Structure formats: structure tokens, C-alpha cells
Amino acid sequence: MRSVPDRCIRQRAPVYAHAPALAAEGRLRPTISAVYPLVNAADAHRDLEARKLTGKALLAIS
């Protein structure tokens, strides 16, 4: 996993401060790139590490 430089975190702090309120209002929605069955969690992890996904990977539990 790559780390984010401190200066980037400081620059984005104002945006991050508003994120909880935006989420509570339903105005902040994550991008879901893929849904994997729980048994394929390793595949999801590999795809995230290989940067094959542009958003979040969800694990479906059913």
C-alpha cells in the first residue's frame, strides 16, 4: 500500500473535515468498482493492489 505524503493530507484536510456531514446528507457516495463473493476476497485484494480498480471493492456475504 502506498503512503500519502503529509503535505497532501494537510492540503486535503478542509475536504476531509466536511466528508462526514456530506455522507450524512447522502451527498457523498463512494465509487464501487467491483463486487466479489467473500470466497474471492483474495482476488479482490490482488486487484486493488494491482490498481485494476478505480473505486472500492465490496465483498458480498450471502
C-alpha atoms as a PDB file:
ATOM      1  CA  MET A   1       0.000   0.000   0.000  1.00  0.00           C
ATOM      2  CA  ARG A   2       1.384   3.409  -0.873  1.00  0.00           C
ATOM      3  CA  SER A   3       1.608   6.140   1.699  1.00  0.00           C
ATOM      4  CA  VAL A   4       0.296   9.656   1.259  1.00  0.00           C
ATOM      5  CA  PRO A   5       2.756  12.499   1.934  1.00  0.00           C
ATOM      6  CA  ASP A   6       1.918  14.702   4.923  1.00  0.00           C
ATOM      7  CA  ARG A   7       1.617  17.782   2.681  1.00  0.00           C
ATOM      8  CA  CYS A   8      -1.159  16.080   0.685  1.00  0.00           C
ATOM      9  CA  ILE A   9      -3.047  15.271   3.861  1.00  0.00           C
ATOM     10  CA  ARG A  10      -2.733  18.881   5.057  1.00  0.00           C
ATOM     11  CA  GLN A  11      -3.931  20.214   1.688  1.00  0.00           C
ATOM     12  CA  ARG A  12      -6.964  17.918   1.706  1.00  0.00           C
ATOM     13  CA  ALA A  13      -7.854  18.495   5.365  1.00  0.00           C
ATOM     14  CA  PRO A  14     -10.650  21.012   4.597  1.00  0.00           C
ATOM     15  CA  VAL A  15     -12.296  18.496   2.267  1.00  0.00           C
ATOM     16  CA  TYR A  16     -11.940  15.676   4.790  1.00  0.00           C
ATOM     17  CA  ALA A  17     -13.465  17.848   7.511  1.00  0.00           C
ATOM     18  CA  HIS A  18     -16.712  18.133   5.515  1.00  0.00           C
ATOM     19  CA  ALA A  19     -16.896  14.470   4.485  1.00  0.00           C
ATOM     20  CA  PRO A  20     -18.930  13.180   7.471  1.00  0.00           C
ATOM     21  CA  ALA A  21     -21.592  15.854   7.011  1.00  0.00           C
ATOM     22  CA  LEU A  22     -21.799  15.208   3.269  1.00  0.00           C
ATOM     23  CA  ALA A  23     -22.137  11.468   3.889  1.00  0.00           C
ATOM     24  CA  ALA A  24     -24.890  12.046   6.461  1.00  0.00           C
ATOM     25  CA  GLU A  25     -26.774  14.155   3.913  1.00  0.00           C
ATOM     26  CA  GLY A  26     -26.395  11.447   1.267  1.00  0.00           C
ATOM     27  CA  ARG A  27     -24.304  13.742  -0.923  1.00  0.00           C
ATOM     28  CA  LEU A  28     -21.101  11.703  -0.672  1.00  0.00           C
ATOM     29  CA  ARG A  29     -21.147   8.363  -2.408  1.00  0.00           C
ATOM     30  CA  PRO A  30     -18.201   6.019  -2.872  1.00  0.00           C
ATOM     31  CA  THR A  31     -17.405   4.659  -6.317  1.00  0.00           C
ATOM     32  CA  ILE A  32     -17.852   0.884  -6.287  1.00  0.00           C
ATOM     33  CA  SER A  33     -15.753  -0.749  -8.983  1.00  0.00           C
ATOM     34  CA  ALA A  34     -16.453  -4.395  -8.276  1.00  0.00           C
ATOM     35  CA  VAL A  35     -18.353  -6.772  -6.026  1.00  0.00           C
ATOM     36  CA  TYR A  36     -16.667 -10.072  -5.136  1.00  0.00           C
ATOM     37  CA  PRO A  37     -18.124 -13.072  -3.332  1.00  0.00           C
ATOM     38  CA  LEU A  38     -16.496 -13.485   0.075  1.00  0.00           C
ATOM     39  CA  VAL A  39     -14.744 -16.649  -1.098  1.00  0.00           C
ATOM     40  CA  ASN A  40     -12.915 -14.486  -3.691  1.00  0.00           C
ATOM     41  CA  ALA A  41     -11.585 -11.969  -1.159  1.00  0.00           C
ATOM     42  CA  ALA A  42      -8.012 -12.751  -2.212  1.00  0.00           C
ATOM     43  CA  ASP A  43      -8.871 -11.843  -5.813  1.00  0.00           C
ATOM     44  CA  ALA A  44     -10.359  -8.546  -4.667  1.00  0.00           C
ATOM     45  CA  HIS A  45      -7.231  -7.774  -2.664  1.00  0.00           C
ATOM     46  CA  ARG A  46      -4.962  -8.615  -5.613  1.00  0.00           C
ATOM     47  CA  ASP A  47      -6.997  -6.392  -7.951  1.00  0.00           C
ATOM     48  CA  LEU A  48      -6.803  -3.492  -5.505  1.00  0.00           C
ATOM     49  CA  GLU A  49      -3.051  -3.889  -5.068  1.00  0.00           C
ATOM     50  CA  ALA A  50      -2.567  -4.134  -8.849  1.00  0.00           C
ATOM     51  CA  ARG A  51      -4.633  -0.956  -9.256  1.00  0.00           C
ATOM     52  CA  LYS A  52      -7.081  -2.694 -11.589  1.00  0.00           C
ATOM     53  CA  LEU A  53      -9.981  -0.967  -9.851  1.00  0.00           C
ATOM     54  CA  THR A  54     -10.751   2.742  -9.879  1.00  0.00           C
ATOM     55  CA  GLY A  55     -13.040   2.652  -6.846  1.00  0.00           C
ATOM     56  CA  LYS A  56     -13.891   0.411  -3.947  1.00  0.00           C
ATOM     57  CA  ALA A  57     -14.169  -3.359  -3.975  1.00  0.00           C
ATOM     58  CA  LEU A  58     -17.032  -4.850  -1.991  1.00  0.00           C
ATOM     59  CA  LEU A  59     -17.220  -8.348  -0.579  1.00  0.00           C
ATOM     60  CA  ALA A  60     -20.668  -9.900  -0.815  1.00  0.00           C
ATOM     61  CA  ILE A  61     -21.681 -12.033   2.125  1.00  0.00           C
ATOM     62  CA  SER A  62     -24.603 -14.277   1.300  1.00  0.00           C
END
